[in-house]
């Protein structure tokens, strides 16, 4: 229950921060980019490290980086 509460508080704070940041940036397409994955990843990543270990978290982080690069290239083409 404690972990769920921490996820709720940290997740809500991070999501609110990125929502405000997305509203401040121009063009508004940045709001969607910032709001998509970063909001979900950042609050939960420390719990992944604690629960599943550093090796698993490293693999997940590397996969997310490769996915972000692929996403960037699809926008450019």
PDB file of N, CA and C in Angstrom:
ATOM      1  N   UNK A   1       0.816  -1.193   0.000  1.00  0.00           N
ATOM      2  CA  UNK A   1       0.000   0.000   0.000  1.00  0.00           C
ATOM      3  C   UNK A   1       0.860   1.258   0.000  1.00  0.00           C
ATOM      4  N   UNK A   2       1.976   1.198   0.725  1.00  0.00           N
ATOM      5  CA  UNK A   2       2.880   2.347   0.784  1.00  0.00           C
ATOM      6  C   UNK A   2       3.473   2.642  -0.593  1.00  0.00           C
ATOM      7  N   UNK A   3       3.859   1.584  -1.320  1.00  0.00           N
ATOM      8  CA  UNK A   3       4.426   1.769  -2.654  1.00  0.00           C
ATOM      9  C   UNK A   3       3.401   2.394  -3.594  1.00  0.00           C
ATOM     10  N   UNK A   4       2.174   1.962  -3.497  1.00  0.00           N
ATOM     11  CA  UNK A   4       1.108   2.510  -4.334  1.00  0.00           C
ATOM     12  C   UNK A   4       0.907   3.997  -4.050  1.00  0.00           C
ATOM     13  N   UNK A   5       0.931   4.378  -2.795  1.00  0.00           N
ATOM     14  CA  UNK A   5       0.778   5.784  -2.420  1.00  0.00           C
ATOM     15  C   UNK A   5       1.940   6.621  -2.960  1.00  0.00           C
ATOM     16  N   UNK A   6       3.170   6.105  -2.830  1.00  0.00           N
ATOM     17  CA  UNK A   6       4.340   6.831  -3.329  1.00  0.00           C
ATOM     18  C   UNK A   6       4.255   6.988  -4.842  1.00  0.00           C
ATOM     19  N   UNK A   7       3.873   5.920  -5.538  1.00  0.00           N
ATOM     20  CA  UNK A   7       3.712   6.015  -6.996  1.00  0.00           C
ATOM     21  C   UNK A   7       2.672   7.066  -7.370  1.00  0.00           C
ATOM     22  N   UNK A   8       1.596   7.107  -6.614  1.00  0.00           N
ATOM     23  CA  UNK A   8       0.531   8.064  -6.881  1.00  0.00           C
ATOM     24  C   UNK A   8       1.029   9.496  -6.710  1.00  0.00           C
ATOM     25  N   UNK A   9       1.717   9.764  -5.617  1.00  0.00           N
ATOM     26  CA  UNK A   9       2.186  11.121  -5.330  1.00  0.00           C
ATOM     27  C   UNK A   9       3.279  11.545  -6.310  1.00  0.00           C
ATOM     28  N   UNK A  10       4.285  10.688  -6.480  1.00  0.00           N
ATOM     29  CA  UNK A  10       5.391  11.032  -7.385  1.00  0.00           C
ATOM     30  C   UNK A  10       4.890  11.113  -8.820  1.00  0.00           C
ATOM     31  N   UNK A  11       4.083  10.158  -9.223  1.00  0.00           N
ATOM     32  CA  UNK A  11       3.549  10.168 -10.584  1.00  0.00           C
ATOM     33  C   UNK A  11       2.714  11.400 -10.870  1.00  0.00           C
ATOM     34  N   UNK A  12       1.865  11.772  -9.930  1.00  0.00           N
ATOM     35  CA  UNK A  12       1.052  12.964 -10.117  1.00  0.00           C
ATOM     36  C   UNK A  12       1.874  14.235 -10.197  1.00  0.00           C
ATOM     37  N   UNK A  13       2.915  14.304  -9.388  1.00  0.00           N
ATOM     38  CA  UNK A  13       3.785  15.476  -9.408  1.00  0.00           C
ATOM     39  C   UNK A  13       4.531  15.584 -10.733  1.00  0.00           C
ATOM     40  N   UNK A  14       5.103  14.485 -11.178  1.00  0.00           N
ATOM     41  CA  UNK A  14       5.862  14.496 -12.437  1.00  0.00           C
ATOM     42  C   UNK A  14       4.936  14.772 -13.611  1.00  0.00           C
ATOM     43  N   UNK A  15       3.779  14.158 -13.616  1.00  0.00           N
ATOM     44  CA  UNK A  15       2.833  14.395 -14.712  1.00  0.00           C
ATOM     45  C   UNK A  15       2.384  15.851 -14.750  1.00  0.00           C
ATOM     46  N   UNK A  16       2.148  16.432 -13.602  1.00  0.00           N
ATOM     47  CA  UNK A  16       1.749  17.842 -13.558  1.00  0.00           C
ATOM     48  C   UNK A  16       2.866  18.746 -14.063  1.00  0.00           C
ATOM     49  N   UNK A  17       4.102  18.446 -13.663  1.00  0.00           N
ATOM     50  CA  UNK A  17       5.245  19.233 -14.122  1.00  0.00           C
ATOM     51  C   UNK A  17       5.358  19.203 -15.642  1.00  0.00           C
ATOM     52  N   UNK A  18       5.263  18.014 -16.241  1.00  0.00           N
ATOM     53  CA  UNK A  18       5.396  17.913 -17.693  1.00  0.00           C
ATOM     54  C   UNK A  18       4.192  18.518 -18.411  1.00  0.00           C
ATOM     55  N   UNK A  19       3.021  18.493 -17.795  1.00  0.00           N
ATOM     56  CA  UNK A  19       1.861  19.138 -18.397  1.00  0.00           C
ATOM     57  C   UNK A  19       2.064  20.648 -18.466  1.00  0.00           C
ATOM     58  N   UNK A  20       2.568  21.223 -17.391  1.00  0.00           N
ATOM     59  CA  UNK A  20       2.833  22.669 -17.378  1.00  0.00           C
ATOM     60  C   UNK A  20       3.946  23.008 -18.373  1.00  0.00           C
ATOM     61  N   UNK A  21       5.001  22.214 -18.378  1.00  0.00           N
ATOM     62  CA  UNK A  21       6.107  22.443 -19.310  1.00  0.00           C
ATOM     63  C   UNK A  21       5.633  22.341 -20.755  1.00  0.00           C
ATOM     64  N   UNK A  22       4.786  21.361 -21.037  1.00  0.00           N
ATOM     65  CA  UNK A  22       4.244  21.217 -22.389  1.00  0.00           C
ATOM     66  C   UNK A  22       3.381  22.390 -22.801  1.00  0.00           C
ATOM     67  N   UNK A  23       2.654  22.972 -21.862  1.00  0.00           N
ATOM     68  CA  UNK A  23       1.824  24.136 -22.175  1.00  0.00           C
ATOM     69  C   UNK A  23       2.666  25.385 -22.433  1.00  0.00           C
ATOM     70  N   UNK A  24       3.828  25.452 -21.810  1.00  0.00           N
ATOM     71  CA  UNK A  24       4.676  26.627 -21.976  1.00  0.00           C
ATOM     72  C   UNK A  24       5.461  26.611 -23.286  1.00  0.00           C
ATOM     73  N   UNK A  25       5.761  25.441 -23.803  1.00  0.00           N
ATOM     74  CA  UNK A  25       6.579  25.331 -24.998  1.00  0.00           C
ATOM     75  C   UNK A  25       5.763  25.563 -26.261  1.00  0.00           C
ATOM     76  N   UNK A  26       6.429  26.087 -27.256  1.00  0.00           N
ATOM     77  CA  UNK A  26       5.830  26.283 -28.568  1.00  0.00           C
ATOM     78  C   UNK A  26       6.639  25.470 -29.562  1.00  0.00           C
ATOM     79  N   UNK A  27       6.131  24.826 -30.513  1.00  0.00           N
ATOM     80  CA  UNK A  27       4.728  24.598 -30.824  1.00  0.00           C
ATOM     81  C   UNK A  27       4.099  23.612 -29.857  1.00  0.00           C
ATOM     82  N   UNK A  28       2.811  23.539 -29.928  1.00  0.00           N
ATOM     83  CA  UNK A  28       2.064  22.709 -28.978  1.00  0.00           C
ATOM     84  C   UNK A  28       2.294  21.219 -29.196  1.00  0.00           C
ATOM     85  N   UNK A  29       2.931  20.839 -30.294  1.00  0.00           N
ATOM     86  CA  UNK A  29       3.208  19.417 -30.524  1.00  0.00           C
ATOM     87  C   UNK A  29       4.191  18.893 -29.481  1.00  0.00           C
ATOM     88  N   UNK A  30       4.998  19.783 -28.886  1.00  0.00           N
ATOM     89  CA  UNK A  30       5.908  19.354 -27.827  1.00  0.00           C
ATOM     90  C   UNK A  30       5.140  18.871 -26.597  1.00  0.00           C
ATOM     91  N   UNK A  31       3.968  19.414 -26.380  1.00  0.00           N
ATOM     92  CA  UNK A  31       3.173  18.986 -25.230  1.00  0.00           C
ATOM     93  C   UNK A  31       2.849  17.505 -25.334  1.00  0.00           C
ATOM     94  N   UNK A  32       2.521  17.048 -26.516  1.00  0.00           N
ATOM     95  CA  UNK A  32       2.233  15.637 -26.713  1.00  0.00           C
ATOM     96  C   UNK A  32       3.463  14.772 -26.558  1.00  0.00           C
ATOM     97  N   UNK A  33       4.583  15.245 -27.064  1.00  0.00           N
ATOM     98  CA  UNK A  33       5.820  14.472 -26.951  1.00  0.00           C
ATOM     99  C   UNK A  33       6.265  14.363 -25.501  1.00  0.00           C
ATOM    100  N   UNK A  34       6.188  15.462 -24.787  1.00  0.00           N
ATOM    101  CA  UNK A  34       6.589  15.429 -23.379  1.00  0.00           C
ATOM    102  C   UNK A  34       5.610  14.628 -22.535  1.00  0.00           C
ATOM    103  N   UNK A  35       4.368  14.687 -22.900  1.00  0.00           N
ATOM    104  CA  UNK A  35       3.366  14.033 -22.089  1.00  0.00           C
ATOM    105  C   UNK A  35       3.285  12.538 -22.288  1.00  0.00           C
ATOM    106  N   UNK A  36       3.818  12.051 -23.364  1.00  0.00           N
ATOM    107  CA  UNK A  36       3.597  10.655 -23.705  1.00  0.00           C
ATOM    108  C   UNK A  36       4.346   9.692 -22.793  1.00  0.00           C
ATOM    109  N   UNK A  37       5.620   9.530 -22.974  1.00  0.00           N
ATOM    110  CA  UNK A  37       6.333   8.469 -22.283  1.00  0.00           C
ATOM    111  C   UNK A  37       7.020   8.936 -21.010  1.00  0.00           C
ATOM    112  N   UNK A  38       7.509  10.152 -21.021  1.00  0.00           N
ATOM    113  CA  UNK A  38       8.231  10.625 -19.842  1.00  0.00           C
ATOM    114  C   UNK A  38       7.360  10.635 -18.604  1.00  0.00           C
ATOM    115  N   UNK A  39       6.114  10.982 -18.770  1.00  0.00           N
ATOM    116  CA  UNK A  39       5.219  11.024 -17.619  1.00  0.00           C
ATOM    117  C   UNK A  39       5.055   9.651 -16.993  1.00  0.00           C
ATOM    118  N   UNK A  40       5.050   8.634 -17.815  1.00  0.00           N
ATOM    119  CA  UNK A  40       4.852   7.283 -17.282  1.00  0.00           C
ATOM    120  C   UNK A  40       6.156   6.654 -16.805  1.00  0.00           C
ATOM    121  N   UNK A  41       7.238   6.999 -17.443  1.00  0.00           N
ATOM    122  CA  UNK A  41       8.511   6.347 -17.139  1.00  0.00           C
ATOM    123  C   UNK A  41       9.148   6.835 -15.843  1.00  0.00           C
ATOM    124  N   UNK A  42       9.297   8.109 -15.695  1.00  0.00           N
ATOM    125  CA  UNK A  42      10.094   8.650 -14.592  1.00  0.00           C
ATOM    126  C   UNK A  42       9.614   8.264 -13.190  1.00  0.00           C
ATOM    127  N   UNK A  43       8.337   8.314 -12.898  1.00  0.00           N
ATOM    128  CA  UNK A  43       7.944   7.972 -11.523  1.00  0.00           C
ATOM    129  C   UNK A  43       8.090   6.487 -11.201  1.00  0.00           C
ATOM    130  N   UNK A  44       8.030   5.624 -12.206  1.00  0.00           N
ATOM    131  CA  UNK A  44       8.009   4.190 -11.953  1.00  0.00           C
ATOM    132  C   UNK A  44       9.370   3.520 -12.121  1.00  0.00           C
ATOM    133  N   UNK A  45      10.303   4.193 -12.731  1.00  0.00           N
ATOM    134  CA  UNK A  45      11.602   3.581 -12.977  1.00  0.00           C
ATOM    135  C   UNK A  45      12.358   3.216 -11.698  1.00  0.00           C
ATOM    136  N   UNK A  46      12.376   4.057 -10.665  1.00  0.00           N
ATOM    137  CA  UNK A  46      13.061   3.647  -9.426  1.00  0.00           C
ATOM    138  C   UNK A  46      12.469   2.390  -8.794  1.00  0.00           C
ATOM    139  N   UNK A  47      11.163   2.222  -8.905  1.00  0.00           N
ATOM    140  CA  UNK A  47      10.545   1.020  -8.364  1.00  0.00           C
ATOM    141  C   UNK A  47      10.936  -0.216  -9.169  1.00  0.00           C
ATOM    142  N   UNK A  48      11.145  -0.041 -10.468  1.00  0.00           N
ATOM    143  CA  UNK A  48      11.613  -1.149 -11.295  1.00  0.00           C
ATOM    144  C   UNK A  48      12.995  -1.585 -10.852  1.00  0.00           C
ATOM    145  N   UNK A  49      13.849  -0.629 -10.554  1.00  0.00           N
ATOM    146  CA  UNK A  49      15.200  -0.957 -10.085  1.00  0.00           C
ATOM    147  C   UNK A  49      15.129  -1.707  -8.756  1.00  0.00           C
ATOM    148  N   UNK A  50      14.313  -1.238  -7.846  1.00  0.00           N
ATOM    149  CA  UNK A  50      14.218  -1.877  -6.536  1.00  0.00           C
ATOM    150  C   UNK A  50      13.589  -3.267  -6.606  1.00  0.00           C
ATOM    151  N   UNK A  51      12.598  -3.418  -7.450  1.00  0.00           N
ATOM    152  CA  UNK A  51      11.865  -4.673  -7.517  1.00  0.00           C
ATOM    153  C   UNK A  51      12.556  -5.732  -8.364  1.00  0.00           C
ATOM    154  N   UNK A  52      13.034  -5.355  -9.547  1.00  0.00           N
ATOM    155  CA  UNK A  52      13.542  -6.333 -10.513  1.00  0.00           C
ATOM    156  C   UNK A  52      15.050  -6.314 -10.675  1.00  0.00           C
ATOM    157  N   UNK A  53      15.709  -5.335 -10.100  1.00  0.00           N
ATOM    158  CA  UNK A  53      17.165  -5.288 -10.163  1.00  0.00           C
ATOM    159  C   UNK A  53      17.694  -4.347 -11.229  1.00  0.00           C
ATOM    160  N   UNK A  54      18.973  -4.041 -11.085  1.00  0.00           N
ATOM    161  CA  UNK A  54      19.609  -3.078 -11.987  1.00  0.00           C
ATOM    162  C   UNK A  54      19.740  -3.610 -13.406  1.00  0.00           C
ATOM    163  N   UNK A  55      20.001  -4.905 -13.550  1.00  0.00           N
ATOM    164  CA  UNK A  55      20.185  -5.475 -14.892  1.00  0.00           C
ATOM    165  C   UNK A  55      18.899  -5.364 -15.710  1.00  0.00           C
ATOM    166  N   UNK A  56      17.787  -5.687 -15.087  1.00  0.00           N
ATOM    167  CA  UNK A  56      16.501  -5.590 -15.778  1.00  0.00           C
ATOM    168  C   UNK A  56      16.189  -4.132 -16.121  1.00  0.00           C
ATOM    169  N   UNK A  57      16.418  -3.233 -15.183  1.00  0.00           N
ATOM    170  CA  UNK A  57      16.155  -1.816 -15.417  1.00  0.00           C
ATOM    171  C   UNK A  57      17.059  -1.270 -16.519  1.00  0.00           C
ATOM    172  N   UNK A  58      18.299  -1.754 -16.570  1.00  0.00           N
ATOM    173  CA  UNK A  58      19.227  -1.332 -17.623  1.00  0.00           C
ATOM    174  C   UNK A  58      18.703  -1.760 -18.986  1.00  0.00           C
ATOM    175  N   UNK A  59      18.228  -2.975 -19.081  1.00  0.00           N
ATOM    176  CA  UNK A  59      17.678  -3.462 -20.344  1.00  0.00           C
ATOM    177  C   UNK A  59      16.448  -2.661 -20.745  1.00  0.00           C
ATOM    178  N   UNK A  60      15.594  -2.380 -19.795  1.00  0.00           N
ATOM    179  CA  UNK A  60      14.404  -1.584 -20.080  1.00  0.00           C
ATOM    180  C   UNK A  60      14.763  -0.172 -20.538  1.00  0.00           C
ATOM    181  N   UNK A  61      15.721   0.445 -19.866  1.00  0.00           N
ATOM    182  CA  UNK A  61      16.132   1.805 -20.223  1.00  0.00           C
ATOM    183  C   UNK A  61      16.733   1.838 -21.622  1.00  0.00           C
ATOM    184  N   UNK A  62      17.569   0.852 -21.926  1.00  0.00           N
ATOM    185  CA  UNK A  62      18.184   0.797 -23.251  1.00  0.00           C
ATOM    186  C   UNK A  62      17.112   0.607 -24.331  1.00  0.00           C
ATOM    187  N   UNK A  63      16.139  -0.230 -24.061  1.00  0.00           N
ATOM    188  CA  UNK A  63      15.048  -0.447 -25.011  1.00  0.00           C
ATOM    189  C   UNK A  63      14.248   0.832 -25.233  1.00  0.00           C
ATOM    190  N   UNK A  64      14.030   1.596 -24.171  1.00  0.00           N
ATOM    191  CA  UNK A  64      13.291   2.845 -24.302  1.00  0.00           C
ATOM    192  C   UNK A  64      14.084   3.881 -25.096  1.00  0.00           C
ATOM    193  N   UNK A  65      15.390   3.901 -24.919  1.00  0.00           N
ATOM    194  CA  UNK A  65      16.228   4.831 -25.674  1.00  0.00           C
ATOM    195  C   UNK A  65      16.194   4.496 -27.154  1.00  0.00           C
ATOM    196  N   UNK A  66      16.319   3.218 -27.480  1.00  0.00           N
ATOM    197  CA  UNK A  66      16.257   2.791 -28.884  1.00  0.00           C
ATOM    198  C   UNK A  66      14.889   3.129 -29.472  1.00  0.00           C
ATOM    199  N   UNK A  67      13.826   2.913 -28.698  1.00  0.00           N
ATOM    200  CA  UNK A  67      12.489   3.264 -29.158  1.00  0.00           C
ATOM    201  C   UNK A  67      12.332   4.760 -29.392  1.00  0.00           C
ATOM    202  N   UNK A  68      12.924   5.571 -28.534  1.00  0.00           N
ATOM    203  CA  UNK A  68      12.852   7.024 -28.705  1.00  0.00           C
ATOM    204  C   UNK A  68      13.595   7.468 -29.960  1.00  0.00           C
ATOM    205  N   UNK A  69      14.744   6.855 -30.210  1.00  0.00           N
ATOM    206  CA  UNK A  69      15.504   7.176 -31.424  1.00  0.00           C
ATOM    207  C   UNK A  69      14.712   6.783 -32.664  1.00  0.00           C
ATOM    208  N   UNK A  70      14.102   5.597 -32.643  1.00  0.00           N
ATOM    209  CA  UNK A  70      13.288   5.159 -33.772  1.00  0.00           C
ATOM    210  C   UNK A  70      12.101   6.096 -33.980  1.00  0.00           C
ATOM    211  N   UNK A  71      11.485   6.529 -32.896  1.00  0.00           N
ATOM    212  CA  UNK A  71      10.371   7.457 -32.986  1.00  0.00           C
ATOM    213  C   UNK A  71      10.816   8.784 -33.602  1.00  0.00           C
ATOM    214  N   UNK A  72      11.984   9.262 -33.192  1.00  0.00           N
ATOM    215  CA  UNK A  72      12.518  10.511 -33.754  1.00  0.00           C
ATOM    216  C   UNK A  72      12.719  10.390 -35.259  1.00  0.00           C
ATOM    217  N   UNK A  73      13.282   9.260 -35.699  1.00  0.00           N
ATOM    218  CA  UNK A  73      13.530   9.072 -37.130  1.00  0.00           C
ATOM    219  C   UNK A  73      12.232   8.942 -37.924  1.00  0.00           C
ATOM    220  N   UNK A  74      11.197   8.378 -37.334  1.00  0.00           N
ATOM    221  CA  UNK A  74       9.921   8.299 -38.050  1.00  0.00           C
ATOM    222  C   UNK A  74       9.297   9.680 -38.209  1.00  0.00           C
ATOM    223  N   UNK A  75       9.574  10.585 -37.287  1.00  0.00           N
ATOM    224  CA  UNK A  75       9.066  11.946 -37.422  1.00  0.00           C
ATOM    225  C   UNK A  75       9.818  12.722 -38.494  1.00  0.00           C
ATOM    226  N   UNK A  76      11.077  12.392 -38.688  1.00  0.00           N
ATOM    227  CA  UNK A  76      11.904  13.121 -39.649  1.00  0.00           C
ATOM    228  C   UNK A  76      11.695  12.654 -41.084  1.00  0.00           C
ATOM    229  N   UNK A  77      11.204  11.459 -41.256  1.00  0.00           N
ATOM    230  CA  UNK A  77      11.061  10.900 -42.605  1.00  0.00           C
ATOM    231  C   UNK A  77       9.734  11.247 -43.212  1.00  0.00           C
TER     232      UNK A  77
END
